[in-house]
Amino acid sequence: MIYQSRGWIDDVATTGPQAVFERDVDDRNRVNSKVPIKPMGSLIVLANILQLQV
């Protein structure tokens, strides 16, 4: 919701629940993810930061 309020992505209410995070079946130290977004306007660069809690 923060990124939507700043005008970076759109339709968070629909795309947010579609995000998937799952542990890889072959490598238990890997997490695979699918994070659908709808960028607003002419967004040229999309960067992502993952914060891990151990």
C-alpha atoms as a PDB file:
ATOM      1  CA  MET A   1       0.000   0.000   0.000  1.00  0.00           C
ATOM      2  CA  ILE A   2       2.937   2.360   0.649  1.00  0.00           C
ATOM      3  CA  TYR A   3       4.110   2.070  -2.966  1.00  0.00           C
ATOM      4  CA  GLN A   4       0.597   2.670  -4.266  1.00  0.00           C
ATOM      5  CA  SER A   5       0.157   5.775  -2.100  1.00  0.00           C
ATOM      6  CA  ARG A   6       3.457   7.132  -3.450  1.00  0.00           C
ATOM      7  CA  GLY A   7       2.288   6.592  -7.027  1.00  0.00           C
ATOM      8  CA  TRP A   8       4.731   3.830  -7.952  1.00  0.00           C
ATOM      9  CA  ILE A   9       2.362   0.884  -8.462  1.00  0.00           C
ATOM     10  CA  ASP A  10      -1.356   0.500  -8.996  1.00  0.00           C
ATOM     11  CA  ASP A  11      -4.128  -1.938  -8.018  1.00  0.00           C
ATOM     12  CA  VAL A  12      -2.504  -3.296  -4.839  1.00  0.00           C
ATOM     13  CA  ALA A  13      -5.826  -4.638  -3.550  1.00  0.00           C
ATOM     14  CA  THR A  14      -5.944  -7.074  -6.475  1.00  0.00           C
ATOM     15  CA  THR A  15      -2.279  -7.905  -7.023  1.00  0.00           C
ATOM     16  CA  GLY A  16      -1.215  -8.109  -3.349  1.00  0.00           C
ATOM     17  CA  PRO A  17      -3.185 -11.268  -2.520  1.00  0.00           C
ATOM     18  CA  GLN A  18      -1.777 -12.882  -5.699  1.00  0.00           C
ATOM     19  CA  ALA A  19       1.784 -12.760  -4.307  1.00  0.00           C
ATOM     20  CA  VAL A  20       3.246 -16.210  -3.651  1.00  0.00           C
ATOM     21  CA  PHE A  21       6.217 -17.136  -1.461  1.00  0.00           C
ATOM     22  CA  GLU A  22       7.146 -20.800  -1.183  1.00  0.00           C
ATOM     23  CA  ARG A  23      10.143 -22.853  -0.121  1.00  0.00           C
ATOM     24  CA  ASP A  24      11.837 -24.608  -3.030  1.00  0.00           C
ATOM     25  CA  VAL A  25      11.180 -28.359  -2.996  1.00  0.00           C
ATOM     26  CA  ASP A  26      14.744 -29.195  -4.116  1.00  0.00           C
ATOM     27  CA  ASP A  27      16.642 -26.612  -2.060  1.00  0.00           C
ATOM     28  CA  ARG A  28      15.279 -25.930   1.432  1.00  0.00           C
ATOM     29  CA  ASN A  29      17.544 -22.851   1.680  1.00  0.00           C
ATOM     30  CA  ARG A  30      15.777 -21.167  -1.234  1.00  0.00           C
ATOM     31  CA  VAL A  31      12.448 -19.349  -1.317  1.00  0.00           C
ATOM     32  CA  ASN A  32      10.760 -18.803  -4.664  1.00  0.00           C
ATOM     33  CA  SER A  33       8.379 -15.911  -5.100  1.00  0.00           C
ATOM     34  CA  LYS A  34       5.971 -14.440  -7.592  1.00  0.00           C
ATOM     35  CA  VAL A  35       5.019 -10.824  -6.939  1.00  0.00           C
ATOM     36  CA  PRO A  36       2.716  -9.394  -9.608  1.00  0.00           C
ATOM     37  CA  ILE A  37       2.632  -5.598  -9.833  1.00  0.00           C
ATOM     38  CA  LYS A  38       1.151  -2.979 -12.124  1.00  0.00           C
ATOM     39  CA  PRO A  39       3.637  -0.105 -12.460  1.00  0.00           C
ATOM     40  CA  MET A  40       2.160   3.360 -12.880  1.00  0.00           C
ATOM     41  CA  GLY A  41       3.153   5.702 -15.663  1.00  0.00           C
ATOM     42  CA  SER A  42       6.561   5.300 -17.262  1.00  0.00           C
ATOM     43  CA  LEU A  43       8.338   3.498 -14.437  1.00  0.00           C
ATOM     44  CA  ILE A  44      11.695   2.601 -15.956  1.00  0.00           C
ATOM     45  CA  VAL A  45      13.507   0.804 -13.115  1.00  0.00           C
ATOM     46  CA  LEU A  46      11.899  -1.605 -10.692  1.00  0.00           C
ATOM     47  CA  ALA A  47      14.032  -2.581  -7.689  1.00  0.00           C
ATOM     48  CA  ASN A  48      13.197  -4.901  -4.840  1.00  0.00           C
ATOM     49  CA  ILE A  49      14.585  -5.412  -1.330  1.00  0.00           C
ATOM     50  CA  LEU A  50      14.049  -8.583   0.656  1.00  0.00           C
ATOM     51  CA  GLN A  51      14.467  -8.416   4.417  1.00  0.00           C
ATOM     52  CA  LEU A  52      15.030 -11.789   6.049  1.00  0.00           C
ATOM     53  CA  GLN A  53      14.262 -12.505   9.682  1.00  0.00           C
ATOM     54  CA  VAL A  54      16.133 -15.355  11.342  1.00  0.00           C
END
